Protein backbone atom coordinates (compact mmCIF):
# COMPACT_ATOMS: atom_id res chain seq x y z
CA MET A 1 27.33 -16.85 7.43
CA ASN A 2 24.09 -18.33 6.21
CA LYS A 3 24.14 -19.38 2.57
CA ASN A 4 20.62 -18.07 2.22
CA HIS A 5 21.16 -14.32 2.07
CA LYS A 6 18.06 -12.22 2.62
CA LEU A 7 18.24 -9.05 0.57
CA GLN A 8 16.66 -6.82 3.17
CA GLN A 9 15.23 -4.09 0.99
CA GLN A 10 13.82 -6.05 -1.89
CA VAL A 11 10.71 -5.42 -3.92
CA GLU A 12 9.20 -7.20 -6.82
CA PHE A 13 6.36 -5.23 -8.33
CA SER A 14 4.66 -7.24 -11.01
CA LEU A 15 2.12 -6.35 -13.63
CA GLY A 16 2.92 -9.37 -15.72
CA VAL A 17 5.94 -11.20 -14.34
CA THR A 18 4.00 -13.99 -12.67
CA PRO A 19 1.95 -15.73 -15.38
CA THR A 20 -0.86 -16.79 -13.06
CA LEU A 21 -1.10 -13.25 -11.71
CA ALA A 22 -0.48 -11.50 -15.01
CA MET A 23 -2.35 -8.22 -14.95
CA GLY A 24 -0.70 -6.02 -17.53
CA GLU A 25 2.13 -5.64 -19.98
CA SER A 26 5.02 -4.30 -17.91
CA ALA A 27 6.80 -5.21 -14.69
CA VAL A 28 9.37 -4.05 -12.21
CA ALA A 29 11.65 -6.58 -10.55
CA GLY A 30 13.95 -5.40 -7.82
CA GLU A 31 14.49 -5.85 -4.11
CA ASP A 32 12.03 -6.51 -1.29
CA PHE A 33 10.98 -3.78 1.09
CA ALA A 34 11.94 -4.41 4.69
CA PRO A 35 9.30 -5.52 7.21
CA PRO A 36 7.27 -2.93 9.11
CA ASN A 37 9.18 -0.67 11.50
CA SER A 38 12.58 -2.00 10.32
CA GLU A 39 13.41 1.18 8.45
CA PRO A 40 12.36 4.65 9.68
CA LEU A 41 10.45 6.50 6.98
CA SER A 42 12.31 9.66 7.92
CA SER A 43 15.58 8.19 6.67
CA LEU A 44 15.01 5.56 4.01
CA VAL A 45 18.25 3.93 2.89
CA PRO A 46 19.11 4.38 -0.81
CA ALA A 47 18.24 0.76 -1.70
CA VAL A 48 14.70 1.12 -0.35
CA ARG A 49 14.20 4.51 -1.93
CA GLU A 50 15.40 3.26 -5.31
CA GLU A 51 13.04 0.30 -5.37
CA ALA A 52 10.14 2.40 -4.13
CA GLN A 53 10.93 4.88 -6.88
CA LYS A 54 10.58 2.12 -9.48
CA LEU A 55 7.24 1.06 -8.05
CA VAL A 56 5.93 4.63 -8.00
CA GLN A 57 7.12 5.30 -11.54
CA ARG A 58 5.43 2.24 -13.01
CA LEU A 59 2.25 2.49 -10.97
CA PHE A 60 1.45 6.20 -10.72
CA LEU A 61 3.59 8.05 -13.24
CA ALA A 62 3.01 6.17 -16.49
CA SER A 63 3.20 8.45 -19.51
CA ASN A 64 0.09 7.01 -21.19
CA GLY A 65 -2.24 9.15 -19.11
CA LEU A 66 -4.06 6.10 -17.74
CA ALA A 67 -2.19 5.78 -14.45
CA PRO A 68 -4.40 5.39 -11.34
CA LYS A 69 -4.75 8.29 -8.91
CA ALA A 70 -6.32 6.44 -5.96
CA VAL A 71 -4.84 3.06 -5.08
CA LEU A 72 -5.48 0.53 -2.32
CA PHE A 73 -2.63 -1.59 -0.96
CA ALA A 74 -3.93 -4.83 0.55
CA GLY A 75 -2.06 -7.84 1.88
CA VAL A 76 -3.26 -11.31 1.04
CA ASP A 77 -2.36 -12.50 4.54
CA ALA A 78 -1.74 -10.77 7.85
CA SER A 79 1.59 -9.34 9.07
CA ILE A 80 3.31 -8.91 5.74
CA GLY A 81 4.19 -5.23 5.85
CA CYS A 82 1.29 -3.81 3.85
CA ASP A 83 0.89 -0.74 6.08
CA TRP A 84 4.61 0.04 5.95
CA LEU A 85 4.69 -0.47 2.19
CA SER A 86 1.78 1.92 1.60
CA ALA A 87 3.49 4.54 3.77
CA VAL A 88 6.79 4.21 1.88
CA THR A 89 4.99 4.42 -1.46
CA ALA A 90 3.08 7.56 -0.45
CA LYS A 91 6.23 9.21 0.88
CA VAL A 92 8.22 8.55 -2.29
CA LEU A 93 5.29 9.54 -4.53
CA ALA A 94 4.99 12.86 -2.68
CA GLY A 95 8.62 13.52 -3.46
CA ASN A 96 8.04 13.02 -7.18
CA VAL A 97 4.92 15.09 -7.83
CA SER A 98 3.91 18.70 -7.37
CA GLY A 99 0.39 17.86 -6.24
CA ALA A 100 -0.79 16.75 -2.81
CA VAL A 101 -0.64 13.08 -1.81
CA CYS A 102 -2.90 11.75 0.95
CA LEU A 103 -2.01 8.54 2.74
CA VAL A 104 -5.23 7.13 4.20
CA GLU A 105 -5.56 4.60 7.00
CA GLY A 106 -8.08 2.13 5.63
CA ASN A 107 -7.15 -0.54 8.14
CA LEU A 108 -9.66 0.40 10.81
CA ARG A 109 -9.14 -2.90 12.63
CA SER A 110 -5.48 -2.42 13.55
CA PRO A 111 -4.33 1.05 12.45
CA SER A 112 -0.58 1.72 12.46
CA LEU A 113 0.22 4.50 9.98
CA PRO A 114 0.62 7.34 12.53
CA ARG A 115 3.22 5.25 14.34
CA ALA A 116 5.04 4.48 11.10
CA LEU A 117 5.21 8.18 10.28
CA GLY A 118 6.00 9.26 13.82
CA VAL A 119 2.98 11.54 14.22
CA SER A 120 0.01 11.78 16.56
CA CYS A 121 -3.52 12.12 15.17
CA ASP A 122 -6.55 12.58 17.41
CA ARG A 123 -9.03 12.78 14.57
CA GLY A 124 -9.18 10.99 11.25
CA LEU A 125 -11.31 9.04 8.80
CA VAL A 126 -13.70 7.56 11.38
CA ASP A 127 -14.35 11.01 12.87
CA SER A 128 -14.96 12.53 9.43
CA LEU A 129 -17.83 10.12 8.88
CA GLY A 130 -19.81 11.54 11.78
CA GLU A 131 -18.74 15.16 11.70
CA SER A 132 -19.00 18.04 9.24
CA GLY A 133 -16.16 20.01 7.75
CA SER A 134 -13.72 19.55 4.90
CA ILE A 135 -11.86 16.25 4.74
CA ARG A 136 -8.60 18.23 4.96
CA GLU A 137 -9.59 19.30 8.46
CA PHE A 138 -9.19 15.69 9.56
CA ALA A 139 -5.83 15.16 7.85
CA VAL A 140 -2.39 16.31 8.99
CA GLN A 141 0.46 17.48 6.78
CA ILE A 142 3.67 15.51 7.17
CA GLY A 143 6.58 17.94 7.21
CA SER A 144 6.52 20.81 4.75
CA GLY A 145 6.11 18.74 1.59
CA HIS A 146 3.21 17.33 -0.38
CA LEU A 147 2.41 14.39 1.90
CA TRP A 148 -0.68 14.32 4.13
CA LEU A 149 -1.96 11.61 6.46
CA LEU A 150 -5.60 10.84 7.14
CA SER A 151 -5.42 8.45 10.06
CA SER A 152 -8.30 6.32 11.31
CA GLY A 153 -8.75 8.69 14.25
CA SER A 154 -11.23 7.40 16.80
CA PRO A 155 -11.58 3.61 17.20
CA ALA A 156 -14.08 2.03 14.83
CA GLN A 157 -16.78 0.12 16.69
CA ASP A 158 -18.15 -1.50 13.52
CA SER A 159 -15.79 -1.10 10.57
CA MET A 160 -18.01 -2.96 8.11
CA THR A 161 -20.94 -0.64 8.72
CA LEU A 162 -18.71 2.41 8.37
CA LEU A 163 -17.07 1.20 5.16
CA ASN A 164 -20.42 0.35 3.58
CA SER A 165 -22.00 3.69 4.47
CA ASP A 166 -22.95 6.37 1.98
CA ARG A 167 -20.91 8.79 4.08
CA MET A 168 -17.76 6.77 3.38
CA LYS A 169 -18.42 7.00 -0.34
CA GLU A 170 -18.88 10.76 -0.01
CA ARG A 171 -15.66 11.19 1.94
CA LEU A 172 -13.63 9.11 -0.52
CA SER A 173 -15.03 11.12 -3.41
CA GLU A 174 -14.02 14.26 -1.53
CA LEU A 175 -10.51 12.88 -1.04
CA ARG A 176 -10.21 12.45 -4.79
CA ARG A 177 -11.22 16.07 -5.33
CA GLU A 178 -9.04 17.53 -2.58
CA PHE A 179 -5.85 15.55 -3.27
CA ASN A 180 -4.04 14.71 -6.48
CA TYR A 181 -3.21 11.19 -5.29
CA VAL A 182 -4.69 8.89 -2.67
CA VAL A 183 -2.78 5.91 -1.25
CA MET A 184 -4.79 3.73 1.11
CA ASN A 185 -4.09 0.53 3.02
CA ALA A 186 -6.47 -2.25 4.05
CA PRO A 187 -6.65 -5.26 6.39
CA PRO A 188 -5.63 -8.64 4.91
CA LEU A 189 -7.96 -9.72 2.15
CA ASN A 190 -7.91 -13.35 3.22
CA SER A 191 -9.33 -12.45 6.63
CA PHE A 192 -11.68 -9.51 6.11
CA ALA A 193 -13.98 -8.09 3.43
CA ASP A 194 -12.83 -4.50 4.07
CA GLY A 195 -10.44 -4.47 1.11
CA MET A 196 -13.16 -5.62 -1.26
CA ILE A 197 -15.39 -2.76 -0.16
CA LEU A 198 -12.67 -0.13 -0.43
CA GLY A 199 -11.36 -1.51 -3.72
CA ARG A 200 -14.66 -0.73 -5.41
CA LEU A 201 -14.35 2.92 -4.39
CA LEU A 202 -10.78 3.42 -5.66
CA ASP A 203 -9.02 2.88 -8.97
CA GLY A 204 -7.71 -0.55 -8.10
CA VAL A 205 -5.77 -2.77 -5.72
CA VAL A 206 -2.10 -3.66 -5.37
CA LEU A 207 -1.74 -7.06 -3.73
CA VAL A 208 1.03 -7.52 -1.16
CA LEU A 209 2.39 -11.05 -0.82
CA GLU A 210 4.94 -12.46 1.63
CA ALA A 211 7.63 -14.66 0.10
CA HIS A 212 7.76 -18.18 1.57
CA SER A 213 4.55 -17.47 3.50
CA THR A 214 1.67 -16.50 1.21
CA ARG A 215 0.35 -19.62 -0.47
CA ARG A 216 0.14 -19.40 -4.23
CA GLN A 217 -3.36 -20.85 -4.29
CA THR A 218 -4.54 -18.35 -1.70
CA ALA A 219 -3.15 -15.45 -3.73
CA LEU A 220 -4.83 -16.76 -6.87
CA GLN A 221 -8.17 -17.11 -5.10
CA VAL A 222 -7.96 -13.56 -3.73
CA ALA A 223 -7.02 -12.16 -7.16
CA GLU A 224 -9.89 -14.04 -8.77
CA SER A 225 -12.34 -12.75 -6.17
CA LEU A 226 -11.25 -9.20 -6.93
CA ARG A 227 -11.67 -9.73 -10.66
CA THR A 228 -15.07 -11.37 -10.18
CA THR A 229 -16.29 -8.29 -8.34
CA LYS A 230 -14.79 -6.13 -11.12
CA ILE A 231 -12.12 -4.58 -8.90
CA PRO A 232 -9.00 -3.87 -11.00
CA VAL A 233 -5.89 -5.66 -9.76
CA LEU A 234 -3.08 -3.25 -10.61
CA GLY A 235 -0.21 -5.49 -9.64
CA ALA A 236 1.49 -7.43 -6.86
CA VAL A 237 4.39 -6.72 -4.55
CA LEU A 238 6.44 -9.67 -3.32
CA ASN A 239 7.87 -8.86 0.09
CA ASN A 240 10.98 -10.38 1.73
CA ARG A 241 12.09 -12.73 -1.01
CA THR A 242 15.18 -14.77 -0.10
CA PHE A 243 17.88 -15.54 -2.64
CA PRO A 244 20.45 -18.33 -2.17
CA ILE A 245 24.06 -17.20 -2.55
CA PRO A 246 25.82 -19.29 -5.24
CA GLU A 247 28.37 -21.74 -3.79
CA ALA A 248 31.30 -20.11 -5.59
CA VAL A 249 30.41 -16.73 -4.13
CA TYR A 250 29.71 -18.17 -0.67
CA LYS A 251 33.24 -19.61 -0.46
CA ARG A 252 34.68 -16.12 -0.91
CA LEU A 253 32.67 -14.62 1.96
C-alpha cells in the first residue's frame, strides 16, 4: 500500500485559511471532492455529501443575511474538476432550500454539465440569447426537486462575443429573478477571460485549485486580477489534496 494515501472525497473550502488567499473571516476544512465523473451525482457517497454540505452552509446559507445568491465556480487551471464541483454544490444546495436552484453551464468552450447530471438538453443558454421566451423555457428540471439545469445548448461559435453581449446581461438578470439561487461554472481563468466577464455579472467567484498541480503564484495572480477588476473572491476550494499516512499508522495497515 502506498504511504501517500489520497483521501478521495476531500474538500478544503477556505475564506481565510490560506493567508495569501485570505478573503474573509471563516473557513471550512474537510476532504477533497473526487475528480469529474468519479462519483455519480445520483448517488453521492456520504463523505462527499457531508463535505459539500459544509461548503453550501458556509457559502450560501450564512445567517448574517449577506450570503451570495449567484455564484461562479472557476478553476485556476484546466482539468481540475470545476464543472463536477459546481454540479455537486448545486445538487446539495437544492436539497437544503425551499426555493429553486439553477445550475448554469457557463463553460461554453467545453460544456459537460448535462453529462454529469445524466440528462440531454437540446436548448440552453446560447439559444436563449437569440430567441424569445422565458429563461425557464430553456432550462430543464432535474428530478422532482428544486434543481434546474440551464445547459449551454447549441454550440457557441464566438463565446466572447456572446458573454459580452447586452443580451447575456439581460438573461443573467432574468435568472436572478426567476430562481432563488444560481450556480454557474466557467472555463479556467488562467486560459480564458470568460470567468472575468461572468464574475462581474454575479455575486462573486469561488476559485477551484488542484493540489500538487496549481502553482501558488498562478493562483495569487488570478486572485489579484479578480480583485483588481472588483470581482469579489468568495473563497477557494482545494481539490484532491494528498495526505501522507504517519509511519506508525502505516505499519499497522
